Structure formats: structure tokens, C-alpha cells
């Protein structure tokens, strides 16, 4: 992977660790250039500082914060609009700017459901798809740098079988009847990455987000799993590869 550029586009600080931490750590260790764009939270906030620590652990450079507000937390970017409320064209342009600046071969982001339905995640998916396509056109966003075609787009997914088999371990009970579950049918997964060798680094990056651990959210549930269940759930990352947008094939598994 020497020289390959891998750019993650995420909604919040901590998503880079939870959803793509192993991939970023593995790619960095194998010689790739790696970076992360985070669409919400502003510089100077506690979570921005935690993000910087996490990225340092993963070898993914300095934070690239768009500085918009989290859908549910106005304190994430005082005085700034919510990412959900920013004109779509503006949001796409900001991601285009980072794509053209970093010039990645591979872009990572969420699937169409945003992994589990968070509105910021869903919006990041839509914005990133548009930005990956737009970044190569010199007619679009001419003030955002020289055009660049990323060669592959990978959407982070969870196989439905994994969701079902680990639901009780994570949440302590079976799903409610009729409950909408995250995940995609297993046959929609195109890429399965074994990141067990980098599992401790991924876990350390997750622990860098101390405020989320203290809040008792999903981060707390994942890091508190029994060791065997945690290794099974966090030792693999799954993707759905959405073709290639540039002139040549590029694969994370090459």
C-alpha cells in the first residue's frame, strides 16, 4: 500500500475510530498516506482535542474539521450552523476541497443508512458521494483546488449476521419484535478486512475519546464487551465497494 492515499470522511469525532480505525491503522502501517475529514465539531472543543489524539494513534495526520454543529449538540460548534442545515452545495464543496488537497486514491465513508441511521451519518454519506464525483470536474468548485479523481469509494457496513449474533452481547437483550436493525445483507459486503493485528491500536483510538466513554453511549458499550466478543466484533471491518470513479482500479486488499 506504499504511497496509496486513503481519506475517511466522518460525521463526528470518534467515528473514525469505531468504523474505520483498523483500516486506517493498517493502511498507515503498510505505507499508505491516511487522513480524516470530520464534518462536525469545531477546533478548541474537548472532542476536537480527543480527535487529534485518536488520529495520532491511528497514524492519520491532523484533524480536518469542517467546523459545523452536530445535529443534536449546538455546543459542538458555537455560533455555527448544524451540518444538516448547511446548503448542500456548500457542504459538498468543503469535502471537495479536502479531496483535492489530500488527493486520495480511496475514500471511506458510511453506507446509505449511515451505519445505524444517525442523521449526520446519513447526510455525510450523501455529501461524500456527491463530492467524490464532483472533485474530478474542473468545471465544478473551481476555487477548491486542482481537480482530482479518487479511484475507489468504500462504504463502511455491518453484515446483518454480525448484528444479529452480537446484539445481546452489546445491548444485554435481544432486539424488540419488529425493531429496525442496522446492517446489510451479507451478500452486499464486498470487502472484509482482518484488522486483528491493529485491534489494540483501534481500541486505544476509541479510548482517546474519553468524553464519549464517560457519557455512556455506544463507545462505552463497545469498549466494555468481554474480551472475546470485543475481539470478534472489533477485529474485522467490512465495506461495500462502490465501483471506481477514476481511470484505474484500486483495492484496499491489494
Protein backbone atom coordinates (compact mmCIF):
# COMPACT_ATOMS: atom_id res chain seq x y z
CA UNK A 1 0.00 0.00 0.00
CA UNK A 2 3.05 2.27 -0.09
CA UNK A 3 2.02 5.64 -1.46
CA UNK A 4 -1.70 4.85 -1.60
CA UNK A 5 -3.85 7.72 -0.32
CA UNK A 6 -6.79 6.81 1.95
CA UNK A 7 -9.20 9.52 3.14
CA UNK A 8 -12.01 8.90 5.61
CA UNK A 9 -14.99 11.25 5.73
CA UNK A 10 -16.90 11.06 9.00
CA UNK A 11 -19.58 12.91 10.90
CA UNK A 12 -18.25 13.15 14.46
CA UNK A 13 -15.04 12.74 16.44
CA UNK A 14 -14.90 9.02 17.44
CA UNK A 15 -16.49 7.71 14.21
CA UNK A 16 -13.05 7.44 12.61
CA UNK A 17 -12.04 5.01 15.37
CA UNK A 18 -15.25 2.99 15.61
CA UNK A 19 -15.97 2.46 11.92
CA UNK A 20 -12.61 2.70 10.13
CA UNK A 21 -9.96 2.74 12.87
CA UNK A 22 -8.50 -0.64 11.99
CA UNK A 23 -8.41 0.16 8.28
CA UNK A 24 -6.67 3.49 8.87
CA UNK A 25 -4.14 1.93 11.24
CA UNK A 26 -3.44 -0.97 8.89
CA UNK A 27 -3.09 1.25 5.82
CA UNK A 28 -0.80 3.65 7.66
CA UNK A 29 1.38 0.79 8.95
CA UNK A 30 1.67 -0.59 5.42
CA UNK A 31 2.90 2.69 3.95
CA UNK A 32 -0.28 4.45 2.82
CA UNK A 33 -1.00 8.14 3.36
CA UNK A 34 -4.08 8.43 5.56
CA UNK A 35 -6.28 11.32 6.71
CA UNK A 36 -9.78 12.01 8.04
CA UNK A 37 -12.29 14.78 7.38
CA UNK A 38 -14.70 15.30 10.30
CA UNK A 39 -17.81 17.27 9.39
CA UNK A 40 -18.97 18.39 12.83
CA UNK A 41 -17.42 19.88 15.98
CA UNK A 42 -15.11 22.87 15.97
CA UNK A 43 -11.49 23.48 16.84
CA UNK A 44 -10.96 24.25 20.51
CA UNK A 45 -13.66 21.91 21.78
CA UNK A 46 -12.86 18.94 24.01
CA UNK A 47 -13.88 16.45 21.36
CA UNK A 48 -11.68 18.10 18.75
CA UNK A 49 -8.74 17.55 21.08
CA UNK A 50 -9.73 13.93 21.56
CA UNK A 51 -9.94 13.53 17.80
CA UNK A 52 -6.39 14.79 17.42
CA UNK A 53 -5.20 12.16 19.93
CA UNK A 54 -7.14 9.41 18.15
CA UNK A 55 -5.75 10.33 14.73
CA UNK A 56 -2.23 10.38 16.14
CA UNK A 57 -2.71 6.81 17.41
CA UNK A 58 -4.06 5.70 14.02
CA UNK A 59 -1.33 7.47 12.05
CA UNK A 60 -3.91 9.57 10.20
CA UNK A 61 -2.47 13.06 10.41
CA UNK A 62 -4.02 16.16 11.92
CA UNK A 63 -7.77 16.80 12.23
CA UNK A 64 -9.53 18.20 9.17
CA UNK A 65 -12.58 19.76 10.80
CA UNK A 66 -15.32 21.39 8.76
CA UNK A 67 -16.50 23.10 11.95
CA UNK A 68 -20.26 22.61 11.63
CA UNK A 69 -22.51 21.68 14.53
CA UNK A 70 -23.66 18.18 15.45
CA UNK A 71 -27.38 17.66 14.75
CA UNK A 72 -28.10 17.21 18.46
CA UNK A 73 -25.37 19.29 20.16
CA UNK A 74 -25.19 23.03 19.43
CA UNK A 75 -22.24 23.31 21.84
CA UNK A 76 -20.20 21.28 19.32
CA UNK A 77 -19.65 24.41 17.21
CA UNK A 78 -20.89 27.56 18.99
CA UNK A 79 -22.39 30.01 16.55
CA UNK A 80 -22.06 27.69 13.55
CA UNK A 81 -24.98 26.09 11.69
CA UNK A 82 -25.77 22.42 12.02
CA UNK A 83 -24.16 20.32 9.31
CA UNK A 84 -27.66 19.16 8.38
CA UNK A 85 -28.76 22.76 7.77
CA UNK A 86 -25.85 23.93 5.62
CA UNK A 87 -26.75 24.30 1.91
CA UNK A 88 -25.92 21.01 0.23
CA UNK A 89 -23.71 22.66 -2.37
CA UNK A 90 -21.64 24.34 0.34
CA UNK A 91 -21.12 21.08 2.23
CA UNK A 92 -20.12 19.24 -0.94
CA UNK A 93 -17.66 21.99 -1.80
CA UNK A 94 -15.96 21.73 1.58
CA UNK A 95 -15.40 17.99 1.15
CA UNK A 96 -14.24 18.55 -2.44
CA UNK A 97 -11.65 20.97 -1.08
CA UNK A 98 -10.16 18.29 1.17
CA UNK A 99 -10.27 15.63 -1.56
CA UNK A 100 -8.37 17.92 -3.94
CA UNK A 101 -5.89 18.91 -1.24
CA UNK A 102 -5.15 15.37 0.02
CA UNK A 103 -5.61 13.65 -3.38
CA UNK A 104 -6.68 10.21 -2.12
CA UNK A 105 -6.88 7.05 -4.17
CA UNK A 106 -9.52 5.64 -1.82
CA UNK A 107 -12.32 7.40 0.08
CA UNK A 108 -14.07 5.78 3.05
CA UNK A 109 -17.45 6.82 4.45
CA UNK A 110 -20.78 5.43 5.70
CA UNK A 111 -23.35 3.46 3.75
CA UNK A 112 -26.74 4.89 2.80
CA UNK A 113 -28.21 4.17 6.25
CA UNK A 114 -25.31 5.91 7.94
CA UNK A 115 -24.36 2.59 9.56
CA UNK A 116 -27.18 2.87 12.11
CA UNK A 117 -29.39 5.73 10.99
CA UNK A 118 -27.87 8.78 12.68
CA UNK A 119 -28.98 11.79 10.59
CA UNK A 120 -25.47 13.26 10.49
CA UNK A 121 -24.10 9.95 9.20
CA UNK A 122 -26.75 9.70 6.51
CA UNK A 123 -26.02 13.26 5.41
CA UNK A 124 -22.26 12.64 5.33
CA UNK A 125 -22.93 9.65 3.04
CA UNK A 126 -24.90 11.83 0.61
CA UNK A 127 -22.42 14.71 0.69
CA UNK A 128 -19.40 12.43 0.24
CA UNK A 129 -20.88 10.60 -2.74
CA UNK A 130 -21.51 13.93 -4.44
CA UNK A 131 -18.06 15.25 -3.53
CA UNK A 132 -16.20 12.17 -4.78
CA UNK A 133 -17.94 12.55 -8.13
CA UNK A 134 -17.56 16.33 -8.32
CA UNK A 135 -13.89 16.53 -7.31
CA UNK A 136 -12.66 15.42 -10.72
CA UNK A 137 -14.51 18.04 -12.75
CA UNK A 138 -12.64 21.27 -13.44
CA UNK A 139 -16.00 22.92 -14.17
CA UNK A 140 -17.19 22.35 -10.58
CA UNK A 141 -15.90 24.18 -7.49
CA UNK A 142 -13.03 25.88 -9.39
CA UNK A 143 -11.95 27.71 -6.22
CA UNK A 144 -11.45 24.47 -4.27
CA UNK A 145 -8.17 23.34 -5.83
CA UNK A 146 -7.00 21.34 -8.81
CA UNK A 147 -9.38 18.55 -9.90
CA UNK A 148 -8.73 15.04 -8.61
CA UNK A 149 -10.40 11.70 -9.28
CA UNK A 150 -10.45 9.32 -6.31
CA UNK A 151 -10.22 5.82 -7.76
CA UNK A 152 -12.41 3.90 -5.31
CA UNK A 153 -15.14 4.55 -2.78
CA UNK A 154 -15.71 2.17 0.13
CA UNK A 155 -18.85 2.36 2.29
CA UNK A 156 -18.48 1.08 5.85
CA UNK A 157 -21.12 -1.58 6.53
CA UNK A 158 -22.02 -4.23 9.10
CA UNK A 159 -23.16 -7.66 7.88
CA UNK A 160 -26.65 -8.39 9.20
CA UNK A 161 -25.46 -11.76 10.54
CA UNK A 162 -22.90 -9.96 12.72
CA UNK A 163 -25.54 -7.57 14.04
CA UNK A 164 -27.85 -10.43 15.00
CA UNK A 165 -25.14 -12.60 16.56
CA UNK A 166 -23.69 -9.78 18.71
CA UNK A 167 -26.82 -7.82 19.61
CA UNK A 168 -27.29 -9.43 23.03
CA UNK A 169 -23.59 -9.09 23.89
CA UNK A 170 -23.66 -5.36 23.12
CA UNK A 171 -27.11 -4.37 24.43
CA UNK A 172 -27.82 -7.06 27.00
CA UNK A 173 -31.10 -8.21 25.44
CA UNK A 174 -32.50 -9.49 22.16
CA UNK A 175 -33.94 -6.97 19.65
CA UNK A 176 -37.55 -5.98 20.17
CA UNK A 177 -40.04 -7.64 17.78
CA UNK A 178 -40.23 -5.57 14.61
CA UNK A 179 -37.26 -3.42 15.61
CA UNK A 180 -35.32 -1.89 12.71
CA UNK A 181 -31.82 -3.32 12.79
CA UNK A 182 -28.67 -1.82 11.31
CA UNK A 183 -26.60 -3.79 8.84
CA UNK A 184 -26.80 -5.00 5.27
CA UNK A 185 -27.47 -8.48 3.84
CA UNK A 186 -24.23 -10.43 3.99
CA UNK A 187 -24.08 -10.76 0.22
CA UNK A 188 -23.84 -6.96 -0.10
CA UNK A 189 -20.46 -6.96 1.66
CA UNK A 190 -17.71 -6.78 -0.96
CA UNK A 191 -14.64 -6.32 1.25
CA UNK A 192 -13.80 -7.89 4.60
CA UNK A 193 -10.64 -6.59 6.25
CA UNK A 194 -8.95 -8.55 9.04
CA UNK A 195 -7.60 -5.82 11.29
CA UNK A 196 -6.91 -8.01 14.34
CA UNK A 197 -3.20 -7.10 14.29
CA UNK A 198 -4.22 -3.47 14.65
CA UNK A 199 -7.05 -4.12 17.10
CA UNK A 200 -5.20 -2.73 20.11
CA UNK A 201 -4.44 0.45 18.19
CA UNK A 202 -8.09 0.78 17.19
CA UNK A 203 -9.17 0.23 20.80
CA UNK A 204 -6.65 2.82 22.00
CA UNK A 205 -8.04 5.31 19.48
CA UNK A 206 -11.54 4.64 20.79
CA UNK A 207 -10.33 5.20 24.36
CA UNK A 208 -8.88 8.55 23.24
CA UNK A 209 -12.48 9.81 23.12
CA UNK A 210 -12.77 10.00 26.89
CA UNK A 211 -15.81 12.28 26.94
CA UNK A 212 -17.81 9.73 24.91
CA UNK A 213 -16.72 6.92 27.21
CA UNK A 214 -17.83 8.96 30.21
CA UNK A 215 -21.16 9.76 28.56
CA UNK A 216 -22.08 6.06 28.47
CA UNK A 217 -23.01 5.92 24.78
CA UNK A 218 -22.21 3.26 22.16
CA UNK A 219 -18.48 3.78 22.68
CA UNK A 220 -18.86 2.64 26.29
CA UNK A 221 -20.85 -0.44 25.28
CA UNK A 222 -18.27 -1.50 22.68
CA UNK A 223 -15.19 -1.00 24.84
CA UNK A 224 -16.82 -2.77 27.80
CA UNK A 225 -17.56 -6.00 25.89
CA UNK A 226 -15.98 -9.22 27.15
CA UNK A 227 -12.59 -9.69 25.53
CA UNK A 228 -13.65 -12.50 23.18
CA UNK A 229 -16.76 -10.68 21.94
CA UNK A 230 -14.81 -7.44 21.57
CA UNK A 231 -12.11 -9.18 19.54
CA UNK A 232 -14.73 -10.75 17.26
CA UNK A 233 -16.63 -7.52 16.73
CA UNK A 234 -13.73 -5.07 16.52
CA UNK A 235 -11.18 -7.33 14.80
CA UNK A 236 -12.85 -7.03 11.40
CA UNK A 237 -14.09 -4.09 9.32
CA UNK A 238 -16.50 -4.53 6.43
CA UNK A 239 -17.18 -2.43 3.34
CA UNK A 240 -19.29 -2.26 0.23
CA UNK A 241 -17.12 -1.10 -2.64
CA UNK A 242 -18.98 1.26 -4.97
CA UNK A 243 -17.06 0.79 -8.18
CA UNK A 244 -14.27 3.19 -9.10
CA UNK A 245 -14.64 6.78 -10.13
CA UNK A 246 -11.27 7.33 -11.76
CA UNK A 247 -9.21 5.82 -14.56
CA UNK A 248 -7.93 2.72 -12.74
CA UNK A 249 -8.98 0.10 -10.21
CA UNK A 250 -7.71 0.50 -6.65
CA UNK A 251 -8.32 -2.01 -3.86
CA UNK A 252 -7.81 -1.89 -0.11
CA UNK A 253 -6.92 -5.57 -0.23
CA UNK A 254 -4.27 -5.28 -2.94
